[in-house]
Protein backbone atom coordinates (compact mmCIF):
# COMPACT_ATOMS: atom_id res chain seq x y z
CA MET A 1 84.83 50.22 0.92
CA GLY A 2 84.97 49.13 -2.39
CA TYR A 3 81.71 46.72 -2.40
CA SER A 4 80.09 45.78 -5.82
CA THR A 5 76.45 45.38 -4.66
CA VAL A 6 74.78 43.14 -7.34
CA VAL A 7 71.64 43.45 -5.15
CA GLN A 8 70.16 46.01 -2.78
CA THR A 9 71.35 45.57 0.71
CA GLN A 10 69.07 43.22 2.54
CA THR A 11 67.42 42.87 5.99
CA ILE A 12 65.52 39.79 5.98
CA ILE A 13 63.67 38.29 9.09
CA PHE A 14 62.81 34.73 9.01
CA MET A 15 59.25 33.50 10.49
CA GLY A 16 57.65 30.27 10.70
CA LEU A 17 56.23 27.31 12.43
CA GLN A 18 58.89 24.97 14.01
CA GLY A 19 59.22 22.46 10.75
CA SER A 20 58.59 25.32 8.17
CA GLY A 21 62.14 24.51 7.01
CA LYS A 22 63.61 28.15 8.00
CA GLY A 23 67.10 26.96 8.79
CA THR A 24 67.44 25.31 5.06
CA GLN A 25 65.88 28.42 3.56
CA VAL A 26 68.34 30.70 5.29
CA LYS A 27 71.34 28.26 4.32
CA LEU A 28 69.96 28.40 0.66
CA LEU A 29 69.49 32.23 0.79
CA LYS A 30 73.24 32.76 2.17
CA GLU A 31 74.59 30.81 -0.44
CA TYR A 32 72.73 32.63 -3.01
CA ILE A 33 73.39 36.27 -1.66
CA SER A 34 76.79 35.26 -1.27
CA ALA A 35 77.28 34.26 -4.87
CA GLN A 36 75.59 37.07 -6.21
CA ASP A 37 77.54 39.83 -3.91
CA PRO A 38 80.83 38.00 -3.11
CA GLY A 39 82.56 41.18 -1.64
CA VAL A 40 79.61 42.29 0.58
CA PRO A 41 79.39 40.91 4.11
CA LEU A 42 76.60 39.14 5.37
CA VAL A 43 75.80 38.87 8.99
CA HIS A 44 73.48 35.87 10.30
CA PHE A 45 71.74 35.96 13.62
CA ASP A 46 71.02 32.18 14.18
CA ALA A 47 69.43 32.20 17.62
CA GLY A 48 70.11 28.37 18.36
CA GLY A 49 73.99 28.79 17.16
CA HIS A 50 74.23 31.82 19.39
CA LEU A 51 72.48 30.29 22.27
CA ARG A 52 74.87 27.34 22.17
CA ALA A 53 77.90 29.55 22.00
CA PHE A 54 76.36 31.64 25.03
CA PHE A 55 76.34 28.29 26.89
CA ALA A 56 79.66 27.43 25.89
CA GLU A 57 81.12 30.49 28.08
CA GLY A 58 79.69 29.26 31.12
CA GLY A 59 78.43 31.07 34.15
CA TYR A 60 75.27 31.66 36.41
CA THR A 61 72.90 33.28 33.89
CA GLN A 62 74.00 30.11 31.49
CA GLU A 63 73.10 27.49 33.97
CA MET A 64 69.73 29.15 34.85
CA VAL A 65 68.76 29.35 31.48
CA LYS A 66 69.95 25.88 30.37
CA ALA A 67 67.96 24.30 33.40
CA SER A 68 64.75 26.14 32.12
CA MET A 69 65.00 24.88 29.07
CA ASP A 70 65.91 21.43 29.88
CA LEU A 71 62.48 21.64 31.61
CA GLY A 72 60.81 22.62 28.31
CA GLU A 73 60.28 26.27 29.53
CA ILE A 74 60.58 29.13 26.83
CA GLN A 75 63.67 31.32 27.09
CA PRO A 76 63.11 34.78 28.79
CA SER A 77 62.89 37.62 25.77
CA PHE A 78 65.86 39.31 27.06
CA LEU A 79 68.21 36.94 26.10
CA PRO A 80 67.83 36.41 22.41
CA SER A 81 67.66 40.15 22.12
CA TYR A 82 70.96 40.69 24.23
CA LEU A 83 72.73 38.08 21.81
CA TRP A 84 71.63 39.75 18.49
CA SER A 85 72.30 43.33 20.17
CA ARG A 86 75.90 42.04 20.94
CA LEU A 87 76.09 40.68 17.37
CA PHE A 88 75.02 43.77 15.81
CA ILE A 89 77.38 45.95 17.92
CA SER A 90 80.35 43.83 16.83
CA GLU A 91 79.43 43.16 13.19
CA LEU A 92 77.10 45.93 11.62
CA HIS A 93 79.11 48.66 9.78
CA GLY A 94 76.34 49.76 7.46
CA ALA A 95 77.02 48.03 4.45
CA GLU A 96 76.24 44.39 4.87
CA HIS A 97 73.37 42.09 4.47
CA LEU A 98 71.67 41.07 7.63
CA LEU A 99 69.60 37.75 7.97
CA MET A 100 67.50 36.85 11.16
CA ASP A 101 66.62 33.45 12.18
CA GLY A 102 64.99 32.36 15.47
CA SER A 103 64.23 35.93 16.97
CA PRO A 104 62.18 37.98 16.98
CA ARG A 105 59.45 35.69 18.77
CA ALA A 106 57.81 37.32 21.41
CA LEU A 107 56.37 40.79 20.73
CA VAL A 108 58.74 42.60 22.96
CA GLU A 109 61.56 41.15 20.94
CA ALA A 110 60.12 41.90 17.75
CA GLU A 111 59.65 45.72 19.13
CA LEU A 112 63.10 45.83 20.46
CA LEU A 113 64.53 44.79 17.10
CA ASP A 114 62.43 47.32 15.33
CA GLY A 115 64.28 49.85 17.43
CA ALA A 116 67.47 48.58 16.60
CA LEU A 117 67.16 48.45 12.63
CA LYS A 118 65.67 51.92 12.78
CA PHE A 119 69.20 52.87 14.87
CA TYR A 120 71.30 51.11 12.28
CA LYS A 121 69.35 52.81 9.42
CA ARG A 122 68.30 49.36 7.95
CA GLU A 123 65.72 50.56 5.20
CA GLN A 124 62.56 48.42 4.40
CA PRO A 125 63.35 45.06 6.36
CA THR A 126 61.39 42.27 4.98
CA VAL A 127 59.78 39.59 6.90
CA LEU A 128 59.62 36.15 5.35
CA PHE A 129 56.94 33.98 6.50
CA LEU A 130 57.48 30.58 5.49
CA ASN A 131 53.54 29.43 5.72
CA VAL A 132 53.01 25.52 6.77
CA SER A 133 50.37 23.82 8.66
CA GLU A 134 50.33 22.25 11.84
CA GLU A 135 49.57 19.01 10.16
CA GLU A 136 52.57 19.37 8.20
CA GLY A 137 54.80 20.85 10.71
CA MET A 138 54.04 17.86 13.16
CA LYS A 139 54.80 15.13 10.23
CA ARG A 140 58.26 16.89 9.60
CA LEU A 141 59.11 17.06 13.28
CA VAL A 142 58.19 13.80 14.07
CA LYS A 143 60.24 12.25 11.10
CA ARG A 144 63.11 14.32 12.33
CA GLY A 145 63.11 12.26 15.38
CA ARG A 146 64.90 14.51 18.13
CA HIS A 147 64.37 13.28 21.70
CA ASP A 148 62.33 16.33 22.60
CA ASP A 149 60.01 16.07 19.54
CA THR A 150 57.14 14.08 21.11
CA GLU A 151 53.92 14.79 20.14
CA GLU A 152 52.88 16.38 23.20
CA GLY A 153 56.04 18.47 23.23
CA ILE A 154 55.36 19.43 19.60
CA LYS A 155 51.71 20.52 20.18
CA GLU A 156 52.62 22.77 23.18
CA ARG A 157 55.37 24.91 20.84
CA PHE A 158 52.55 25.21 18.34
CA ARG A 159 50.04 26.53 21.05
CA TRP A 160 53.17 28.87 21.99
CA TYR A 161 53.68 29.68 18.47
CA ARG A 162 49.87 30.49 17.86
CA GLU A 163 49.72 32.49 20.92
CA ILE A 164 53.23 34.32 20.92
CA VAL A 165 54.95 34.53 17.64
CA MET A 166 51.98 35.25 15.56
CA SER A 167 51.61 38.38 17.57
CA SER A 168 55.05 39.49 16.27
CA LEU A 169 54.22 38.37 12.91
CA ASN A 170 50.93 40.67 12.96
CA TYR A 171 52.86 43.55 14.41
CA TYR A 172 55.27 43.55 11.10
CA ARG A 173 52.18 43.21 8.89
CA ASP A 174 50.94 46.61 10.71
CA LYS A 175 54.04 48.17 10.99
CA GLU A 176 55.04 50.79 8.24
CA GLY A 177 58.28 50.44 6.73
CA TYR A 178 58.16 46.44 6.16
CA ARG A 179 57.08 44.31 3.77
CA VAL A 180 55.57 40.77 4.88
CA LEU A 181 56.38 38.01 2.10
CA GLU A 182 54.38 34.81 2.63
CA ILE A 183 55.80 31.72 1.28
CA ASN A 184 54.23 28.19 0.88
CA GLY A 185 56.48 26.19 2.91
CA GLU A 186 54.75 22.92 1.87
CA GLN A 187 56.73 22.59 -1.23
CA THR A 188 59.94 20.87 -1.75
CA PRO A 189 63.15 23.02 -0.44
CA ALA A 190 64.18 23.90 -4.06
CA GLU A 191 60.55 25.21 -4.75
CA VAL A 192 60.42 27.14 -1.65
CA HIS A 193 63.90 28.61 -2.40
CA ALA A 194 62.98 29.55 -5.78
CA ASP A 195 59.81 31.42 -4.57
CA VAL A 196 61.92 33.17 -1.99
CA ILE A 197 64.16 34.39 -4.32
CA LYS A 198 61.40 35.57 -6.77
CA ALA A 199 59.54 37.34 -3.99
CA LEU A 200 62.62 39.11 -2.84
CA GLY A 201 63.28 40.22 -6.47
CA LEU A 202 66.73 38.86 -6.36
């Protein structure tokens, strides 16, 4: 395909508590990799962005999911898996970087994603865990000031994270073929980015 790869093709799964700065770090890493590898495609699954595009399509399922989320309920695991499956089918051709943000959350999603990555022969996926305390996450989310960022709502999301998302992180820690890199997320964005680049060996 004529690609001149400066760094090894990356498959990176971002994980971290809400308020850990995942979105910022994904953006910074995308910019860094694109600058290093301008000729190599980069496929980015952003669960929030793909979910908004899904809602925009309209339909019965979209209305059901939106109503459920408006009530503060957790989205069903089949939905993000469907969204990234659709992206993979259309965008993966075997020579691109892949960044995952917002999925997997539940263990079943992690297992499905593992099967997909094996199918597409994505070698040694990396899980980047941005570690921040709940206290720091709370402080950042309250400061963000979104309408659903009430203290009670945030505590419920943190509880769900401890009970559900951490099981996926532990799955990857125990899974052969993955490397899990833990980054101190309680630094400035620039410091976290520098640690990410160093940990990835880029």
